Amino acid sequence: MISYSIFRGVAAGYLGSAYLERAEMMRNAANAQVDSLGCVQKVCGVPNFDRPNVAPEGQAFYLLMETAAKDLGRK
């Protein structure tokens, strides 16, 4: 979620582009957790969010981040 916020903040002019390096580091870490089915693994898992697993919220945050990065022209 922080990576998403940085991408959107830079796009809106609230943050300088110096933040993009850290956002990309976080994005790369998230991308490394995507399995062959497209599910983001090792997020707070449902139903109790007390262990690493998968969750719709993790998927949603991932998609928001990727969309924000794409909107900035990131590959």
C-alpha atoms as a PDB file:
ATOM      1  CA  MET A   1       0.000   0.000   0.000  1.00  0.00           C
ATOM      2  CA  ILE A   2       2.911   2.345   0.662  1.00  0.00           C
ATOM      3  CA  SER A   3       4.278   1.762  -2.827  1.00  0.00           C
ATOM      4  CA  TYR A   4       0.865   2.606  -4.291  1.00  0.00           C
ATOM      5  CA  SER A   5       0.738   5.800  -2.227  1.00  0.00           C
ATOM      6  CA  ILE A   6       4.183   6.846  -3.414  1.00  0.00           C
ATOM      7  CA  PHE A   7       3.300   6.288  -7.070  1.00  0.00           C
ATOM      8  CA  ARG A   8       0.106   8.307  -6.694  1.00  0.00           C
ATOM      9  CA  GLY A   9       1.863  11.025  -4.664  1.00  0.00           C
ATOM     10  CA  VAL A  10       4.555  11.454  -7.311  1.00  0.00           C
ATOM     11  CA  ALA A  11       1.935  11.532 -10.084  1.00  0.00           C
ATOM     12  CA  ALA A  12      -0.030  14.211  -8.215  1.00  0.00           C
ATOM     13  CA  GLY A  13       3.067  16.274  -7.491  1.00  0.00           C
ATOM     14  CA  TYR A  14       2.923  15.845  -3.703  1.00  0.00           C
ATOM     15  CA  LEU A  15       6.131  13.802  -3.597  1.00  0.00           C
ATOM     16  CA  GLY A  16       9.395  14.152  -5.459  1.00  0.00           C
ATOM     17  CA  SER A  17      10.630  11.505  -7.866  1.00  0.00           C
ATOM     18  CA  ALA A  18      13.361  10.536  -5.380  1.00  0.00           C
ATOM     19  CA  TYR A  19      10.730   8.382  -3.653  1.00  0.00           C
ATOM     20  CA  LEU A  20      10.293   6.199  -6.740  1.00  0.00           C
ATOM     21  CA  GLU A  21      13.413   4.141  -6.014  1.00  0.00           C
ATOM     22  CA  ARG A  22      11.925   2.924  -2.730  1.00  0.00           C
ATOM     23  CA  ALA A  23       8.517   2.384  -4.307  1.00  0.00           C
ATOM     24  CA  GLU A  24      10.125   0.180  -6.962  1.00  0.00           C
ATOM     25  CA  MET A  25      11.952  -1.822  -4.290  1.00  0.00           C
ATOM     26  CA  MET A  26       8.629  -2.513  -2.564  1.00  0.00           C
ATOM     27  CA  ARG A  27       6.987  -3.295  -5.892  1.00  0.00           C
ATOM     28  CA  ASN A  28       9.728  -5.786  -6.781  1.00  0.00           C
ATOM     29  CA  ALA A  29       9.279  -7.494  -3.403  1.00  0.00           C
ATOM     30  CA  ALA A  30       5.528  -7.808  -4.017  1.00  0.00           C
ATOM     31  CA  ASN A  31       6.044  -9.074  -7.558  1.00  0.00           C
ATOM     32  CA  ALA A  32       8.320 -11.801  -6.211  1.00  0.00           C
ATOM     33  CA  GLN A  33       5.362 -13.159  -4.212  1.00  0.00           C
ATOM     34  CA  VAL A  34       2.999 -13.608  -7.182  1.00  0.00           C
ATOM     35  CA  ASP A  35       2.488 -17.297  -7.971  1.00  0.00           C
ATOM     36  CA  SER A  36       1.801 -18.943 -11.332  1.00  0.00           C
ATOM     37  CA  LEU A  37      -1.953 -18.364 -10.912  1.00  0.00           C
ATOM     38  CA  GLY A  38      -1.497 -14.646 -10.259  1.00  0.00           C
ATOM     39  CA  CYS A  39      -2.194 -14.826  -6.520  1.00  0.00           C
ATOM     40  CA  VAL A  40      -0.055 -12.745  -4.196  1.00  0.00           C
ATOM     41  CA  GLN A  41       1.275 -15.106  -1.545  1.00  0.00           C
ATOM     42  CA  LYS A  42       2.456 -14.319   2.003  1.00  0.00           C
ATOM     43  CA  VAL A  43       0.026 -11.499   2.730  1.00  0.00           C
ATOM     44  CA  CYS A  44      -2.085 -11.451   5.901  1.00  0.00           C
ATOM     45  CA  GLY A  45      -4.304 -14.430   5.167  1.00  0.00           C
ATOM     46  CA  VAL A  46      -8.027 -14.781   5.548  1.00  0.00           C
ATOM     47  CA  PRO A  47     -10.085 -15.477   7.578  1.00  0.00           C
ATOM     48  CA  ASN A  48      -8.271 -14.219  10.698  1.00  0.00           C
ATOM     49  CA  PHE A  49      -5.362 -12.295   9.133  1.00  0.00           C
ATOM     50  CA  ASP A  50      -3.028 -13.874  11.680  1.00  0.00           C
ATOM     51  CA  ARG A  51      -0.683 -15.757   9.355  1.00  0.00           C
ATOM     52  CA  PRO A  52       0.845 -15.401   5.896  1.00  0.00           C
ATOM     53  CA  ASN A  53      -1.417 -16.733   3.159  1.00  0.00           C
ATOM     54  CA  VAL A  54      -3.627 -15.164   0.461  1.00  0.00           C
ATOM     55  CA  ALA A  55      -6.425 -12.634   0.809  1.00  0.00           C
ATOM     56  CA  PRO A  56      -8.637 -10.574  -1.472  1.00  0.00           C
ATOM     57  CA  GLU A  57      -7.330  -7.440   0.245  1.00  0.00           C
ATOM     58  CA  GLY A  58      -3.765  -8.373  -0.703  1.00  0.00           C
ATOM     59  CA  GLN A  59      -4.829  -8.889  -4.294  1.00  0.00           C
ATOM     60  CA  ALA A  60      -6.625  -5.535  -4.342  1.00  0.00           C
ATOM     61  CA  PHE A  61      -3.640  -3.630  -2.942  1.00  0.00           C
ATOM     62  CA  TYR A  62      -1.379  -5.337  -5.480  1.00  0.00           C
ATOM     63  CA  LEU A  63      -3.631  -4.360  -8.385  1.00  0.00           C
ATOM     64  CA  LEU A  64      -3.847  -0.772  -7.138  1.00  0.00           C
ATOM     65  CA  MET A  65      -0.039  -0.615  -6.936  1.00  0.00           C
ATOM     66  CA  GLU A  66       0.460  -2.043 -10.417  1.00  0.00           C
ATOM     67  CA  THR A  67      -2.104   0.349 -11.907  1.00  0.00           C
ATOM     68  CA  ALA A  68      -0.480   3.342 -10.228  1.00  0.00           C
ATOM     69  CA  ALA A  69       2.940   2.252 -11.489  1.00  0.00           C
ATOM     70  CA  LYS A  70       1.587   1.781 -15.020  1.00  0.00           C
ATOM     71  CA  ASP A  71      -0.027   5.227 -14.923  1.00  0.00           C
ATOM     72  CA  LEU A  72       3.456   6.647 -14.254  1.00  0.00           C
ATOM     73  CA  GLY A  73       4.847   4.754 -17.227  1.00  0.00           C
ATOM     74  CA  ARG A  74       6.700   2.195 -15.098  1.00  0.00           C
ATOM     75  CA  LYS A  75       7.239  -1.244 -16.630  1.00  0.00           C
END
